[in-house]
PDB file of N, CA and C in Angstrom:
ATOM      1  N   MET A   1    -117.458-121.331 -18.114  1.00  0.00           N
ATOM      2  CA  MET A   1    -116.922-120.049 -18.591  1.00  0.00           C
ATOM      3  C   MET A   1    -117.636-119.606 -19.869  1.00  0.00           C
ATOM      4  N   ILE A   2    -118.103-120.575 -20.624  1.00  0.00           N
ATOM      5  CA  ILE A   2    -118.793-120.219 -21.870  1.00  0.00           C
ATOM      6  C   ILE A   2    -120.196-119.665 -21.572  1.00  0.00           C
ATOM      7  N   PHE A   3    -120.781-120.159 -20.490  1.00  0.00           N
ATOM      8  CA  PHE A   3    -122.172-119.776 -20.217  1.00  0.00           C
ATOM      9  C   PHE A   3    -122.304-118.383 -19.604  1.00  0.00           C
ATOM     10  N   HIS A   4    -121.234-117.899 -18.988  1.00  0.00           N
ATOM     11  CA  HIS A   4    -121.343-116.601 -18.308  1.00  0.00           C
ATOM     12  C   HIS A   4    -121.616-115.449 -19.296  1.00  0.00           C
ATOM     13  N   PRO A   5    -120.821-115.280 -20.351  1.00  0.00           N
ATOM     14  CA  PRO A   5    -121.123-114.212 -21.329  1.00  0.00           C
ATOM     15  C   PRO A   5    -122.478-114.432 -21.997  1.00  0.00           C
ATOM     16  N   LEU A   6    -122.846-115.676 -22.175  1.00  0.00           N
ATOM     17  CA  LEU A   6    -124.134-115.977 -22.793  1.00  0.00           C
ATOM     18  C   LEU A   6    -125.272-115.488 -21.900  1.00  0.00           C
ATOM     19  N   LEU A   7    -125.120-115.696 -20.609  1.00  0.00           N
ATOM     20  CA  LEU A   7    -126.161-115.257 -19.671  1.00  0.00           C
ATOM     21  C   LEU A   7    -126.248-113.741 -19.628  1.00  0.00           C
ATOM     22  N   THR A   8    -125.102-113.067 -19.587  1.00  0.00           N
ATOM     23  CA  THR A   8    -125.131-111.606 -19.557  1.00  0.00           C
ATOM     24  C   THR A   8    -125.720-111.064 -20.857  1.00  0.00           C
ATOM     25  N   LEU A   9    -125.385-111.692 -21.953  1.00  0.00           N
ATOM     26  CA  LEU A   9    -125.935-111.270 -23.242  1.00  0.00           C
ATOM     27  C   LEU A   9    -127.449-111.470 -23.247  1.00  0.00           C
ATOM     28  N   ASN A  10    -127.885-112.603 -22.700  1.00  0.00           N
ATOM     29  CA  ASN A  10    -129.317-112.878 -22.625  1.00  0.00           C
ATOM     30  C   ASN A  10    -130.021-111.827 -21.782  1.00  0.00           C
ATOM     31  N   ASN A  11    -129.408-111.435 -20.673  1.00  0.00           N
ATOM     32  CA  ASN A  11    -130.005-110.407 -19.822  1.00  0.00           C
ATOM     33  C   ASN A  11    -130.090-109.069 -20.558  1.00  0.00           C
ATOM     34  N   ASP A  12    -129.035-108.732 -21.277  1.00  0.00           N
ATOM     35  CA  ASP A  12    -129.044-107.474 -22.037  1.00  0.00           C
ATOM     36  C   ASP A  12    -130.128-107.500 -23.108  1.00  0.00           C
ATOM     37  N   LEU A  13    -130.248-108.627 -23.787  1.00  0.00           N
ATOM     38  CA  LEU A  13    -131.266-108.741 -24.822  1.00  0.00           C
ATOM     39  C   LEU A  13    -132.664-108.640 -24.222  1.00  0.00           C
ATOM     40  N   MET A  14    -132.842-109.244 -23.055  1.00  0.00           N
ATOM     41  CA  MET A  14    -134.147-109.179 -22.405  1.00  0.00           C
ATOM     42  C   MET A  14    -134.482-107.750 -22.019  1.00  0.00           C
ATOM     43  N   PHE A  15    -133.482-107.035 -21.510  1.00  0.00           N
ATOM     44  CA  PHE A  15    -133.688-105.635 -21.116  1.00  0.00           C
ATOM     45  C   PHE A  15    -134.023-104.780 -22.339  1.00  0.00           C
ATOM     46  N   VAL A  16    -133.274-104.965 -23.416  1.00  0.00           N
ATOM     47  CA  VAL A  16    -133.528-104.209 -24.650  1.00  0.00           C
ATOM     48  C   VAL A  16    -134.912-104.550 -25.199  1.00  0.00           C
ATOM     49  N   PHE A  17    -135.269-105.829 -25.151  1.00  0.00           N
ATOM     50  CA  PHE A  17    -136.582-106.258 -25.643  1.00  0.00           C
ATOM     51  C   PHE A  17    -137.701-105.580 -24.856  1.00  0.00           C
ATOM     52  N   LEU A  18    -137.539-105.523 -23.538  1.00  0.00           N
ATOM     53  CA  LEU A  18    -138.554-104.870 -22.704  1.00  0.00           C
ATOM     54  C   LEU A  18    -138.635-103.375 -23.013  1.00  0.00           C
ATOM     55  N   LEU A  19    -137.482-102.751 -23.197  1.00  0.00           N
ATOM     56  CA  LEU A  19    -137.473-101.317 -23.506  1.00  0.00           C
ATOM     57  C   LEU A  19    -138.168-101.045 -24.836  1.00  0.00           C
ATOM     58  N   VAL A  20    -137.841-101.843 -25.841  1.00  0.00           N
ATOM     59  CA  VAL A  20    -138.450-101.657 -27.162  1.00  0.00           C
ATOM     60  C   VAL A  20    -139.952-101.903 -27.089  1.00  0.00           C
ATOM     61  N   HIS A  21    -140.340-102.942 -26.353  1.00  0.00           N
ATOM     62  CA  HIS A  21    -141.762-103.260 -26.228  1.00  0.00           C
ATOM     63  C   HIS A  21    -142.515-102.111 -25.559  1.00  0.00           C
ATOM     64  N   LEU A  22    -141.927-101.582 -24.491  1.00  0.00           N
ATOM     65  CA  LEU A  22    -142.560-100.472 -23.771  1.00  0.00           C
ATOM     66  C   LEU A  22    -142.644 -99.234 -24.662  1.00  0.00           C
ATOM     67  N   THR A  23    -141.581 -98.959 -25.401  1.00  0.00           N
ATOM     68  CA  THR A  23    -141.575 -97.785 -26.284  1.00  0.00           C
ATOM     69  C   THR A  23    -142.633 -97.924 -27.378  1.00  0.00           C
ATOM     70  N   LEU A  24    -142.719 -99.107 -27.972  1.00  0.00           N
ATOM     71  CA  LEU A  24    -143.727 -99.328 -29.014  1.00  0.00           C
ATOM     72  C   LEU A  24    -145.129 -99.175 -28.445  1.00  0.00           C
ATOM     73  N   TYR A  25    -145.336 -99.697 -27.241  1.00  0.00           N
ATOM     74  CA  TYR A  25    -146.654 -99.589 -26.606  1.00  0.00           C
ATOM     75  C   TYR A  25    -147.037 -98.127 -26.393  1.00  0.00           C
ATOM     76  N   ILE A  26    -146.070 -97.333 -25.927  1.00  0.00           N
ATOM     77  CA  ILE A  26    -146.325 -95.910 -25.676  1.00  0.00           C
ATOM     78  C   ILE A  26    -146.611 -95.185 -26.994  1.00  0.00           C
ATOM     79  N   VAL A  27    -145.839 -95.493 -28.022  1.00  0.00           N
ATOM     80  CA  VAL A  27    -146.026 -94.837 -29.322  1.00  0.00           C
ATOM     81  C   VAL A  27    -147.403 -95.182 -29.896  1.00  0.00           C
ATOM     82  N   VAL A  28    -147.779 -96.434 -29.821  1.00  0.00           N
ATOM     83  CA  VAL A  28    -149.092 -96.867 -30.334  1.00  0.00           C
ATOM     84  C   VAL A  28    -150.209 -96.213 -29.524  1.00  0.00           C
ATOM     85  N   PHE A  29    -150.024 -96.139 -28.223  1.00  0.00           N
ATOM     86  CA  PHE A  29    -151.039 -95.534 -27.352  1.00  0.00           C
ATOM     87  C   PHE A  29    -151.246 -94.068 -27.711  1.00  0.00           C
ATOM     88  N   PHE A  30    -150.144 -93.322 -27.850  1.00  0.00           N
ATOM     89  CA  PHE A  30    -150.254 -91.890 -28.139  1.00  0.00           C
ATOM     90  C   PHE A  30    -150.809 -91.651 -29.540  1.00  0.00           C
ATOM     91  N   SER A  31    -150.408 -92.461 -30.498  1.00  0.00           N
ATOM     92  CA  SER A  31    -150.924 -92.283 -31.858  1.00  0.00           C
ATOM     93  C   SER A  31    -152.427 -92.601 -31.891  1.00  0.00           C
ATOM     94  N   HIS A  32    -152.842 -93.581 -31.116  1.00  0.00           N
ATOM     95  CA  HIS A  32    -154.262 -93.927 -31.047  1.00  0.00           C
ATOM     96  C   HIS A  32    -155.044 -92.796 -30.382  1.00  0.00           C
ATOM     97  N   GLU A  33    -154.489 -92.225 -29.336  1.00  0.00           N
ATOM     98  CA  GLU A  33    -155.143 -91.114 -28.647  1.00  0.00           C
ATOM     99  C   GLU A  33    -155.243 -89.895 -29.565  1.00  0.00           C
ATOM    100  N   ARG A  34    -154.227 -89.689 -30.376  1.00  0.00           N
ATOM    101  CA  ARG A  34    -154.211 -88.537 -31.272  1.00  0.00           C
ATOM    102  C   ARG A  34    -155.248 -88.709 -32.380  1.00  0.00           C
ATOM    103  N   GLU A  35    -155.471 -89.954 -32.798  1.00  0.00           N
ATOM    104  CA  GLU A  35    -156.467 -90.197 -33.848  1.00  0.00           C
ATOM    105  C   GLU A  35    -157.854 -89.759 -33.396  1.00  0.00           C
ATOM    106  N   GLN A  36    -158.208 -90.110 -32.176  1.00  0.00           N
ATOM    107  CA  GLN A  36    -159.523 -89.722 -31.660  1.00  0.00           C
ATOM    108  C   GLN A  36    -159.434 -88.342 -31.096  1.00  0.00           C
TER     109      GLN A  36
END
């Protein structure tokens, strides 16, 4: 019973991490394109 909320929390964190990573990648890409 203790591991179930931990697993769901881990999944949420993984999803948020992927979203943040993708957003940062897009922001860096566009800023780099704008520089040139």
